[in-house]
Amino acid sequence: MARTFYRIVQSDPPTRRDFESHEALGRVLIDPDQEQRRMWQGISVFTTEAQARNKAHDYPGLGGFIAAMRVRDEEAIRFARTGRNRGHHTLWGEPEALLGCVVAVVPV
């Protein structure tokens, strides 16, 4: 079985960097409680394109494209419902594996 998630990315086609965690990018973790640390170690995605689009409109610096990702159960990628935003999930996996799940890219 496969699940589809939507990731805001900087370019079309997306690059490995679009799938690196805040931790891998060296971004500072503010208020490091357990939940924030988990999310900082993964990447943010949404369950619908509309949710990703709304977030991208609210925060244009996140990127101008939305990548649809098809994550199969057999992939070495974990996911969990996280955060307070409706439909927000965090994915954990190697950037190359995450990039390999991209099946389509559309402009915001």
PDB file of N, CA and C in Angstrom:
ATOM      1  N   MET A   1       0.841  -1.182   0.000  1.00  0.00           N
ATOM      2  CA  MET A   1       0.000   0.000   0.000  1.00  0.00           C
ATOM      3  C   MET A   1       0.889   1.249   0.000  1.00  0.00           C
ATOM      4  N   ALA A   2       0.409   2.303  -0.588  1.00  0.00           N
ATOM      5  CA  ALA A   2       1.160   3.558  -0.657  1.00  0.00           C
ATOM      6  C   ALA A   2       0.308   4.700  -0.117  1.00  0.00           C
ATOM      7  N   ARG A   3       0.979   5.658   0.475  1.00  0.00           N
ATOM      8  CA  ARG A   3       0.331   6.882   0.937  1.00  0.00           C
ATOM      9  C   ARG A   3       0.898   8.044   0.151  1.00  0.00           C
ATOM     10  N   THR A   4       0.067   9.025  -0.123  1.00  0.00           N
ATOM     11  CA  THR A   4       0.513  10.227  -0.824  1.00  0.00           C
ATOM     12  C   THR A   4       0.601  11.377   0.168  1.00  0.00           C
ATOM     13  N   PHE A   5       1.721  12.087   0.104  1.00  0.00           N
ATOM     14  CA  PHE A   5       1.937  13.275   0.915  1.00  0.00           C
ATOM     15  C   PHE A   5       2.359  14.403  -0.015  1.00  0.00           C
ATOM     16  N   TYR A   6       2.244  15.635   0.475  1.00  0.00           N
ATOM     17  CA  TYR A   6       2.582  16.815  -0.329  1.00  0.00           C
ATOM     18  C   TYR A   6       3.592  17.665   0.423  1.00  0.00           C
ATOM     19  N   ARG A   7       4.713  17.943  -0.256  1.00  0.00           N
ATOM     20  CA  ARG A   7       5.840  18.672   0.333  1.00  0.00           C
ATOM     21  C   ARG A   7       6.056  19.972  -0.432  1.00  0.00           C
ATOM     22  N   ILE A   8       6.181  21.083   0.272  1.00  0.00           N
ATOM     23  CA  ILE A   8       6.519  22.360  -0.354  1.00  0.00           C
ATOM     24  C   ILE A   8       8.017  22.328  -0.655  1.00  0.00           C
ATOM     25  N   VAL A   9       8.370  22.623  -1.908  1.00  0.00           N
ATOM     26  CA  VAL A   9       9.773  22.575  -2.332  1.00  0.00           C
ATOM     27  C   VAL A   9      10.141  23.869  -3.055  1.00  0.00           C
ATOM     28  N   GLN A  10      11.448  24.080  -3.205  1.00  0.00           N
ATOM     29  CA  GLN A  10      11.968  25.306  -3.807  1.00  0.00           C
ATOM     30  C   GLN A  10      11.971  25.290  -5.331  1.00  0.00           C
ATOM     31  N   SER A  11      12.103  24.120  -5.938  1.00  0.00           N
ATOM     32  CA  SER A  11      12.301  24.093  -7.392  1.00  0.00           C
ATOM     33  C   SER A  11      11.593  22.916  -8.049  1.00  0.00           C
ATOM     34  N   ASP A  12      11.465  23.020  -9.357  1.00  0.00           N
ATOM     35  CA  ASP A  12      10.936  21.941 -10.191  1.00  0.00           C
ATOM     36  C   ASP A  12      11.960  21.696 -11.296  1.00  0.00           C
ATOM     37  N   PRO A  13      12.646  20.578 -11.272  1.00  0.00           N
ATOM     38  CA  PRO A  13      12.461  19.466 -10.341  1.00  0.00           C
ATOM     39  C   PRO A  13      13.086  19.775  -8.978  1.00  0.00           C
ATOM     40  N   PRO A  14      12.564  19.129  -7.922  1.00  0.00           N
ATOM     41  CA  PRO A  14      13.139  19.336  -6.601  1.00  0.00           C
ATOM     42  C   PRO A  14      14.537  18.719  -6.511  1.00  0.00           C
ATOM     43  N   THR A  15      15.284  19.165  -5.519  1.00  0.00           N
ATOM     44  CA  THR A  15      16.630  18.654  -5.304  1.00  0.00           C
ATOM     45  C   THR A  15      16.703  17.937  -3.958  1.00  0.00           C
ATOM     46  N   ARG A  16      17.835  17.301  -3.737  1.00  0.00           N
ATOM     47  CA  ARG A  16      18.077  16.602  -2.469  1.00  0.00           C
ATOM     48  C   ARG A  16      17.861  17.550  -1.292  1.00  0.00           C
ATOM     49  N   ARG A  17      18.307  18.785  -1.436  1.00  0.00           N
ATOM     50  CA  ARG A  17      18.195  19.773  -0.359  1.00  0.00           C
ATOM     51  C   ARG A  17      16.741  20.002   0.067  1.00  0.00           C
ATOM     52  N   ASP A  18      15.801  19.888  -0.863  1.00  0.00           N
ATOM     53  CA  ASP A  18      14.384  20.052  -0.538  1.00  0.00           C
ATOM     54  C   ASP A  18      13.892  18.989   0.445  1.00  0.00           C
ATOM     55  N   PHE A  19      14.664  17.921   0.614  1.00  0.00           N
ATOM     56  CA  PHE A  19      14.241  16.793   1.457  1.00  0.00           C
ATOM     57  C   PHE A  19      15.181  16.558   2.637  1.00  0.00           C
ATOM     58  N   GLU A  20      15.986  17.572   2.949  1.00  0.00           N
ATOM     59  CA  GLU A  20      16.843  17.499   4.126  1.00  0.00           C
ATOM     60  C   GLU A  20      16.109  18.105   5.317  1.00  0.00           C
ATOM     61  N   SER A  21      16.276  17.489   6.472  1.00  0.00           N
ATOM     62  CA  SER A  21      15.645  17.973   7.701  1.00  0.00           C
ATOM     63  C   SER A  21      16.296  19.273   8.160  1.00  0.00           C
ATOM     64  N   HIS A  22      15.627  19.947   9.077  1.00  0.00           N
ATOM     65  CA  HIS A  22      16.226  21.143   9.675  1.00  0.00           C
ATOM     66  C   HIS A  22      17.526  20.771  10.380  1.00  0.00           C
ATOM     67  N   GLU A  23      17.554  19.602  10.983  1.00  0.00           N
ATOM     68  CA  GLU A  23      18.776  19.133  11.642  1.00  0.00           C
ATOM     69  C   GLU A  23      19.913  19.016  10.628  1.00  0.00           C
ATOM     70  N   ALA A  24      19.660  18.359   9.492  1.00  0.00           N
ATOM     71  CA  ALA A  24      20.689  18.171   8.465  1.00  0.00           C
ATOM     72  C   ALA A  24      21.137  19.496   7.869  1.00  0.00           C
ATOM     73  N   LEU A  25      20.236  20.464   7.814  1.00  0.00           N
ATOM     74  CA  LEU A  25      20.562  21.784   7.268  1.00  0.00           C
ATOM     75  C   LEU A  25      21.276  22.674   8.281  1.00  0.00           C
ATOM     76  N   GLY A  26      21.409  22.191   9.511  1.00  0.00           N
ATOM     77  CA  GLY A  26      22.110  22.954  10.543  1.00  0.00           C
ATOM     78  C   GLY A  26      21.299  24.077  11.149  1.00  0.00           C
ATOM     79  N   ARG A  27      19.980  24.013  11.006  1.00  0.00           N
ATOM     80  CA  ARG A  27      19.123  25.049  11.587  1.00  0.00           C
ATOM     81  C   ARG A  27      19.018  24.844  13.097  1.00  0.00           C
ATOM     82  N   VAL A  28      18.982  25.936  13.819  1.00  0.00           N
ATOM     83  CA  VAL A  28      18.927  25.889  15.275  1.00  0.00           C
ATOM     84  C   VAL A  28      17.539  25.459  15.727  1.00  0.00           C
ATOM     85  N   LEU A  29      17.506  24.549  16.690  1.00  0.00           N
ATOM     86  CA  LEU A  29      16.241  24.091  17.274  1.00  0.00           C
ATOM     87  C   LEU A  29      15.908  24.985  18.454  1.00  0.00           C
ATOM     88  N   ILE A  30      14.792  25.672  18.354  1.00  0.00           N
ATOM     89  CA  ILE A  30      14.347  26.559  19.426  1.00  0.00           C
ATOM     90  C   ILE A  30      13.285  25.813  20.233  1.00  0.00           C
ATOM     91  N   ASP A  31      13.343  25.946  21.552  1.00  0.00           N
ATOM     92  CA  ASP A  31      12.385  25.293  22.438  1.00  0.00           C
ATOM     93  C   ASP A  31      12.374  23.781  22.210  1.00  0.00           C
ATOM     94  N   PRO A  32      13.499  23.130  22.501  1.00  0.00           N
ATOM     95  CA  PRO A  32      13.659  21.717  22.138  1.00  0.00           C
ATOM     96  C   PRO A  32      12.925  20.715  23.036  1.00  0.00           C
ATOM     97  N   ASP A  33      11.587  20.726  23.007  1.00  0.00           N
ATOM     98  CA  ASP A  33      10.877  19.655  23.704  1.00  0.00           C
ATOM     99  C   ASP A  33      10.902  18.409  22.818  1.00  0.00           C
ATOM    100  N   GLN A  34      10.436  17.299  23.341  1.00  0.00           N
ATOM    101  CA  GLN A  34      10.522  16.015  22.630  1.00  0.00           C
ATOM    102  C   GLN A  34       9.832  16.062  21.252  1.00  0.00           C
ATOM    103  N   GLU A  35       8.649  16.622  21.185  1.00  0.00           N
ATOM    104  CA  GLU A  35       7.905  16.689  19.921  1.00  0.00           C
ATOM    105  C   GLU A  35       8.626  17.575  18.904  1.00  0.00           C
ATOM    106  N   GLN A  36       9.104  18.727  19.330  1.00  0.00           N
ATOM    107  CA  GLN A  36       9.822  19.631  18.427  1.00  0.00           C
ATOM    108  C   GLN A  36      11.100  18.975  17.902  1.00  0.00           C
ATOM    109  N   ARG A  37      11.801  18.252  18.761  1.00  0.00           N
ATOM    110  CA  ARG A  37      13.028  17.575  18.330  1.00  0.00           C
ATOM    111  C   ARG A  37      12.714  16.518  17.265  1.00  0.00           C
ATOM    112  N   ARG A  38      11.654  15.748  17.462  1.00  0.00           N
ATOM    113  CA  ARG A  38      11.255  14.734  16.469  1.00  0.00           C
ATOM    114  C   ARG A  38      10.962  15.383  15.120  1.00  0.00           C
ATOM    115  N   MET A  39      10.206  16.470  15.140  1.00  0.00           N
ATOM    116  CA  MET A  39       9.844  17.139  13.898  1.00  0.00           C
ATOM    117  C   MET A  39      11.076  17.764  13.232  1.00  0.00           C
ATOM    118  N   TRP A  40      12.004  18.299  14.012  1.00  0.00           N
ATOM    119  CA  TRP A  40      13.236  18.928  13.522  1.00  0.00           C
ATOM    120  C   TRP A  40      14.115  17.912  12.807  1.00  0.00           C
ATOM    121  N   GLN A  41      13.995  16.638  13.186  1.00  0.00           N
ATOM    122  CA  GLN A  41      14.808  15.580  12.593  1.00  0.00           C
ATOM    123  C   GLN A  41      14.192  14.999  11.316  1.00  0.00           C
ATOM    124  N   GLY A  42      12.981  15.408  10.966  1.00  0.00           N
ATOM    125  CA  GLY A  42      12.311  14.924   9.761  1.00  0.00           C
ATOM    126  C   GLY A  42      11.934  16.079   8.850  1.00  0.00           C
ATOM    127  N   ILE A  43      11.069  15.792   7.878  1.00  0.00           N
ATOM    128  CA  ILE A  43      10.577  16.850   6.985  1.00  0.00           C
ATOM    129  C   ILE A  43       9.064  16.969   7.113  1.00  0.00           C
ATOM    130  N   SER A  44       8.556  18.169   6.936  1.00  0.00           N
ATOM    131  CA  SER A  44       7.125  18.440   7.030  1.00  0.00           C
ATOM    132  C   SER A  44       6.429  18.162   5.708  1.00  0.00           C
ATOM    133  N   VAL A  45       5.294  17.504   5.798  1.00  0.00           N
ATOM    134  CA  VAL A  45       4.454  17.227   4.636  1.00  0.00           C
ATOM    135  C   VAL A  45       3.000  17.363   5.061  1.00  0.00           C
ATOM    136  N   PHE A  46       2.120  17.356   4.066  1.00  0.00           N
ATOM    137  CA  PHE A  46       0.683  17.452   4.326  1.00  0.00           C
ATOM    138  C   PHE A  46      -0.054  16.333   3.612  1.00  0.00           C
ATOM    139  N   THR A  47      -1.272  16.033   4.069  1.00  0.00           N
ATOM    140  CA  THR A  47      -2.040  14.949   3.459  1.00  0.00           C
ATOM    141  C   THR A  47      -2.791  15.380   2.211  1.00  0.00           C
ATOM    142  N   THR A  48      -2.970  16.686   2.018  1.00  0.00           N
ATOM    143  CA  THR A  48      -3.623  17.142   0.792  1.00  0.00           C
ATOM    144  C   THR A  48      -2.810  18.255   0.137  1.00  0.00           C
ATOM    145  N   GLU A  49      -2.971  18.373  -1.159  1.00  0.00           N
ATOM    146  CA  GLU A  49      -2.306  19.449  -1.889  1.00  0.00           C
ATOM    147  C   GLU A  49      -2.810  20.803  -1.413  1.00  0.00           C
ATOM    148  N   ALA A  50      -4.101  20.893  -1.114  1.00  0.00           N
ATOM    149  CA  ALA A  50      -4.681  22.160  -0.656  1.00  0.00           C
ATOM    150  C   ALA A  50      -4.055  22.618   0.660  1.00  0.00           C
ATOM    151  N   GLN A  51      -3.805  21.690   1.574  1.00  0.00           N
ATOM    152  CA  GLN A  51      -3.168  22.047   2.845  1.00  0.00           C
ATOM    153  C   GLN A  51      -1.757  22.586   2.604  1.00  0.00           C
ATOM    154  N   ALA A  52      -1.009  21.917   1.732  1.00  0.00           N
ATOM    155  CA  ALA A  52       0.346  22.379   1.400  1.00  0.00           C
ATOM    156  C   ALA A  52       0.288  23.742   0.718  1.00  0.00           C
ATOM    157  N   ARG A  53      -0.656  23.919  -0.183  1.00  0.00           N
ATOM    158  CA  ARG A  53      -0.800  25.187  -0.905  1.00  0.00           C
ATOM    159  C   ARG A  53      -1.121  26.333   0.070  1.00  0.00           C
ATOM    160  N   ASN A  54      -2.022  26.080   1.010  1.00  0.00           N
ATOM    161  CA  ASN A  54      -2.372  27.108   1.996  1.00  0.00           C
ATOM    162  C   ASN A  54      -1.150  27.505   2.826  1.00  0.00           C
ATOM    163  N   LYS A  55      -0.374  26.529   3.240  1.00  0.00           N
ATOM    164  CA  LYS A  55       0.843  26.801   4.022  1.00  0.00           C
ATOM    165  C   LYS A  55       1.842  27.593   3.178  1.00  0.00           C
ATOM    166  N   ALA A  56       1.995  27.214   1.915  1.00  0.00           N
ATOM    167  CA  ALA A  56       2.924  27.914   1.019  1.00  0.00           C
ATOM    168  C   ALA A  56       2.485  29.358   0.791  1.00  0.00           C
ATOM    169  N   HIS A  57       1.188  29.598   0.727  1.00  0.00           N
ATOM    170  CA  HIS A  57       0.691  30.974   0.577  1.00  0.00           C
ATOM    171  C   HIS A  57       0.966  31.786   1.846  1.00  0.00           C
ATOM    172  N   ASP A  58       0.816  31.148   3.010  1.00  0.00           N
ATOM    173  CA  ASP A  58       1.066  31.828   4.285  1.00  0.00           C
ATOM    174  C   ASP A  58       2.554  32.114   4.497  1.00  0.00           C
ATOM    175  N   TYR A  59       3.420  31.214   3.973  1.00  0.00           N
ATOM    176  CA  TYR A  59       4.869  31.320   4.164  1.00  0.00           C
ATOM    177  C   TYR A  59       5.577  31.147   2.825  1.00  0.00           C
ATOM    178  N   PRO A  60       5.571  32.178   1.970  1.00  0.00           N
ATOM    179  CA  PRO A  60       6.128  32.057   0.625  1.00  0.00           C
ATOM    180  C   PRO A  60       7.607  31.660   0.589  1.00  0.00           C
ATOM    181  N   GLY A  61       8.345  31.912   1.645  1.00  0.00           N
ATOM    182  CA  GLY A  61       9.751  31.547   1.685  1.00  0.00           C
ATOM    183  C   GLY A  61       9.992  30.041   1.706  1.00  0.00           C
ATOM    184  N   LEU A  62       8.954  29.268   1.991  1.00  0.00           N
ATOM    185  CA  LEU A  62       9.102  27.811   2.015  1.00  0.00           C
ATOM    186  C   LEU A  62       9.344  27.238   0.620  1.00  0.00           C
ATOM    187  N   GLY A  63       8.823  27.888  -0.396  1.00  0.00           N
ATOM    188  CA  GLY A  63       9.026  27.405  -1.753  1.00  0.00           C
ATOM    189  C   GLY A  63       7.845  27.708  -2.644  1.00  0.00           C
ATOM    190  N   GLY A  64       8.087  27.623  -3.935  1.00  0.00           N
ATOM    191  CA  GLY A  64       7.063  27.971  -4.917  1.00  0.00           C
ATOM    192  C   GLY A  64       6.449  26.780  -5.620  1.00  0.00           C
ATOM    193  N   PHE A  65       6.751  25.568  -5.141  1.00  0.00           N
ATOM    194  CA  PHE A  65       6.241  24.356  -5.782  1.00  0.00           C
ATOM    195  C   PHE A  65       5.771  23.353  -4.730  1.00  0.00           C
ATOM    196  N   ILE A  66       4.903  22.461  -5.151  1.00  0.00           N
ATOM    197  CA  ILE A  66       4.429  21.387  -4.284  1.00  0.00           C
ATOM    198  C   ILE A  66       4.749  20.065  -4.962  1.00  0.00           C
ATOM    199  N   ALA A  67       5.475  19.220  -4.237  1.00  0.00           N
ATOM    200  CA  ALA A  67       5.834  17.894  -4.746  1.00  0.00           C
ATOM    201  C   ALA A  67       4.902  16.860  -4.138  1.00  0.00           C
ATOM    202  N   ALA A  68       4.240  16.094  -5.006  1.00  0.00           N
ATOM    203  CA  ALA A  68       3.439  14.962  -4.545  1.00  0.00           C
ATOM    204  C   ALA A  68       4.392  13.788  -4.354  1.00  0.00           C
ATOM    205  N   MET A  69       4.317  13.149  -3.192  1.00  0.00           N
ATOM    206  CA  MET A  69       5.204  12.038  -2.864  1.00  0.00           C
ATOM    207  C   MET A  69       4.377  10.788  -2.607  1.00  0.00           C
ATOM    208  N   ARG A  70       4.767   9.710  -3.236  1.00  0.00           N
ATOM    209  CA  ARG A  70       4.100   8.417  -3.041  1.00  0.00           C
ATOM    210  C   ARG A  70       5.024   7.555  -2.191  1.00  0.00           C
ATOM    211  N   VAL A  71       4.641   7.316  -0.933  1.00  0.00           N
ATOM    212  CA  VAL A  71       5.465   6.552   0.000  1.00  0.00           C
ATOM    213  C   VAL A  71       4.842   5.171   0.183  1.00  0.00           C
ATOM    214  N   ARG A  72       5.588   4.158  -0.225  1.00  0.00           N
ATOM    215  CA  ARG A  72       5.114   2.777  -0.109  1.00  0.00           C
ATOM    216  C   ARG A  72       5.542   2.177   1.231  1.00  0.00           C
ATOM    217  N   ASP A  73       4.777   1.232   1.711  1.00  0.00           N
ATOM    218  CA  ASP A  73       5.069   0.588   2.989  1.00  0.00           C
ATOM    219  C   ASP A  73       6.460  -0.020   3.027  1.00  0.00           C
ATOM    220  N   GLU A  74       6.939  -0.516   1.890  1.00  0.00           N
ATOM    221  CA  GLU A  74       8.237  -1.187   1.870  1.00  0.00           C
ATOM    222  C   GLU A  74       9.421  -0.212   1.833  1.00  0.00           C
ATOM    223  N   GLU A  75       9.161   1.081   1.702  1.00  0.00           N
ATOM    224  CA  GLU A  75      10.228   2.087   1.680  1.00  0.00           C
ATOM    225  C   GLU A  75      10.818   2.222   3.089  1.00  0.00           C
ATOM    226  N   ALA A  76      12.052   2.652   3.168  1.00  0.00           N
ATOM    227  CA  ALA A  76      12.721   2.888   4.455  1.00  0.00           C
ATOM    228  C   ALA A  76      12.407   4.293   4.942  1.00  0.00           C
ATOM    229  N   ILE A  77      11.118   4.619   4.948  1.00  0.00           N
ATOM    230  CA  ILE A  77      10.652   5.946   5.352  1.00  0.00           C
ATOM    231  C   ILE A  77       9.568   5.765   6.399  1.00  0.00           C
ATOM    232  N   ARG A  78       9.716   6.467   7.499  1.00  0.00           N
ATOM    233  CA  ARG A  78       8.692   6.437   8.545  1.00  0.00           C
ATOM    234  C   ARG A  78       7.894   7.734   8.483  1.00  0.00           C
ATOM    235  N   PHE A  79       6.662   7.688   8.957  1.00  0.00           N
ATOM    236  CA  PHE A  79       5.862   8.912   9.015  1.00  0.00           C
ATOM    237  C   PHE A  79       4.944   8.863  10.224  1.00  0.00           C
ATOM    238  N   ALA A  80       4.562  10.054  10.686  1.00  0.00           N
ATOM    239  CA  ALA A  80       3.637  10.169  11.803  1.00  0.00           C
ATOM    240  C   ALA A  80       2.896  11.491  11.701  1.00  0.00           C
ATOM    241  N   ARG A  81       1.691  11.498  12.208  1.00  0.00           N
ATOM    242  CA  ARG A  81       0.904  12.723  12.314  1.00  0.00           C
ATOM    243  C   ARG A  81       1.552  13.561  13.411  1.00  0.00           C
ATOM    244  N   THR A  82       1.929  14.798  13.101  1.00  0.00           N
ATOM    245  CA  THR A  82       2.619  15.660  14.051  1.00  0.00           C
ATOM    246  C   THR A  82       2.111  17.089  13.943  1.00  0.00           C
ATOM    247  N   GLY A  83       2.438  17.882  14.926  1.00  0.00           N
ATOM    248  CA  GLY A  83       2.108  19.303  14.877  1.00  0.00           C
ATOM    249  C   GLY A  83       0.650  19.590  15.135  1.00  0.00           C
ATOM    250  N   ARG A  84       0.334  20.879  15.053  1.00  0.00           N
ATOM    251  CA  ARG A  84      -1.034  21.328  15.334  1.00  0.00           C
ATOM    252  C   ARG A  84      -1.850  21.602  14.077  1.00  0.00           C
ATOM    253  N   ASN A  85      -1.164  21.762  12.946  1.00  0.00           N
ATOM    254  CA  ASN A  85      -1.881  22.064  11.701  1.00  0.00           C
ATOM    255  C   ASN A  85      -2.591  20.821  11.183  1.00  0.00           C
ATOM    256  N   ARG A  86      -3.793  21.033  10.705  1.00  0.00           N
ATOM    257  CA  ARG A  86      -4.585  19.939  10.162  1.00  0.00           C
ATOM    258  C   ARG A  86      -3.848  19.298   8.990  1.00  0.00           C
ATOM    259  N   GLY A  87      -3.721  17.976   9.029  1.00  0.00           N
ATOM    260  CA  GLY A  87      -3.106  17.242   7.938  1.00  0.00           C
ATOM    261  C   GLY A  87      -1.589  17.233   7.946  1.00  0.00           C
ATOM    262  N   HIS A  88      -0.962  17.864   8.940  1.00  0.00           N
ATOM    263  CA  HIS A  88       0.505  17.902   8.986  1.00  0.00           C
ATOM    264  C   HIS A  88       1.061  16.563   9.453  1.00  0.00           C
ATOM    265  N   HIS A  89       2.077  16.102   8.743  1.00  0.00           N
ATOM    266  CA  HIS A  89       2.803  14.881   9.111  1.00  0.00           C
ATOM    267  C   HIS A  89       4.298  15.190   9.031  1.00  0.00           C
ATOM    268  N   THR A  90       5.079  14.340   9.667  1.00  0.00           N
ATOM    269  CA  THR A  90       6.530  14.396   9.531  1.00  0.00           C
ATOM    270  C   THR A  90       6.987  13.075   8.937  1.00  0.00           C
ATOM    271  N   LEU A  91       7.905  13.159   7.964  1.00  0.00           N
ATOM    272  CA  LEU A  91       8.523  11.976   7.366  1.00  0.00           C
ATOM    273  C   LEU A  91       9.973  11.924   7.803  1.00  0.00           C
ATOM    274  N   TRP A  92      10.478  10.717   8.071  1.00  0.00           N
ATOM    275  CA  TRP A  92      11.874  10.515   8.411  1.00  0.00           C
ATOM    276  C   TRP A  92      12.448   9.506   7.431  1.00  0.00           C
ATOM    277  N   GLY A  93      13.554   9.874   6.812  1.00  0.00           N
ATOM    278  CA  GLY A  93      14.224   8.991   5.864  1.00  0.00           C
ATOM    279  C   GLY A  93      15.400   9.714   5.238  1.00  0.00           C
ATOM    280  N   GLU A  94      16.186   8.980   4.496  1.00  0.00           N
ATOM    281  CA  GLU A  94      17.318   9.589   3.796  1.00  0.00           C
ATOM    282  C   GLU A  94      16.802  10.525   2.699  1.00  0.00           C
ATOM    283  N   PRO A  95      17.431  11.696   2.524  1.00  0.00           N
ATOM    284  CA  PRO A  95      16.966  12.641   1.507  1.00  0.00           C
ATOM    285  C   PRO A  95      16.819  12.016   0.113  1.00  0.00           C
ATOM    286  N   GLU A  96      17.738  11.141  -0.277  1.00  0.00           N
ATOM    287  CA  GLU A  96      17.653  10.505  -1.600  1.00  0.00           C
ATOM    288  C   GLU A  96      16.411   9.617  -1.709  1.00  0.00           C
ATOM    289  N   ALA A  97      16.095   8.906  -0.632  1.00  0.00           N
ATOM    290  CA  ALA A  97      14.905   8.049  -0.628  1.00  0.00           C
ATOM    291  C   ALA A  97      13.639   8.899  -0.700  1.00  0.00           C
ATOM    292  N   LEU A  98      13.611   9.996   0.044  1.00  0.00           N
ATOM    293  CA  LEU A  98      12.460  10.895   0.008  1.00  0.00           C
ATOM    294  C   LEU A  98      12.290  11.512  -1.377  1.00  0.00           C
ATOM    295  N   LEU A  99      13.381  11.986  -1.958  1.00  0.00           N
ATOM    296  CA  LEU A  99      13.354  12.548  -3.307  1.00  0.00           C
ATOM    297  C   LEU A  99      12.860  11.521  -4.308  1.00  0.00           C
ATOM    298  N   GLY A 100      13.248  10.267  -4.121  1.00  0.00           N
ATOM    299  CA  GLY A 100      12.828   9.196  -5.015  1.00  0.00           C
ATOM    300  C   GLY A 100      11.342   8.889  -4.982  1.00  0.00           C
ATOM    301  N   CYS A 101      10.643   9.402  -3.973  1.00  0.00           N
ATOM    302  CA  CYS A 101       9.194   9.185  -3.849  1.00  0.00           C
ATOM    303  C   CYS A 101       8.368  10.220  -4.616  1.00  0.00           C
ATOM    304  N   VAL A 102       9.025  11.257  -5.157  1.00  0.00           N
ATOM    305  CA  VAL A 102       8.297  12.325  -5.854  1.00  0.00           C
ATOM    306  C   VAL A 102       7.704  11.773  -7.162  1.00  0.00           C
ATOM    307  N   VAL A 103       6.398  11.980  -7.337  1.00  0.00           N
ATOM    308  CA  VAL A 103       5.718  11.505  -8.550  1.00  0.00           C
ATOM    309  C   VAL A 103       5.198  12.666  -9.410  1.00  0.00           C
ATOM    310  N   ALA A 104       5.115  13.869  -8.834  1.00  0.00           N
ATOM    311  CA  ALA A 104       4.636  15.029  -9.609  1.00  0.00           C
ATOM    312  C   ALA A 104       5.022  16.296  -8.857  1.00  0.00           C
ATOM    313  N   VAL A 105       5.160  17.384  -9.608  1.00  0.00           N
ATOM    314  CA  VAL A 105       5.446  18.693  -9.037  1.00  0.00           C
ATOM    315  C   VAL A 105       4.555  19.713  -9.731  1.00  0.00           C
ATOM    316  N   VAL A 106       3.923  20.577  -8.926  1.00  0.00           N
ATOM    317  CA  VAL A 106       3.068  21.630  -9.487  1.00  0.00           C
ATOM    318  C   VAL A 106       3.450  22.957  -8.852  1.00  0.00           C
ATOM    319  N   PRO A 107       3.254  24.058  -9.563  1.00  0.00           N
ATOM    320  CA  PRO A 107       3.532  25.362  -8.958  1.00  0.00           C
ATOM    321  C   PRO A 107       2.499  25.687  -7.888  1.00  0.00           C
ATOM    322  N   VAL A 108       2.917  26.480  -6.909  1.00  0.00           N
ATOM    323  CA  VAL A 108       1.975  26.941  -5.878  1.00  0.00           C
ATOM    324  C   VAL A 108       0.986  27.872  -6.556  1.00  0.00           C
TER     325      VAL A 108
END
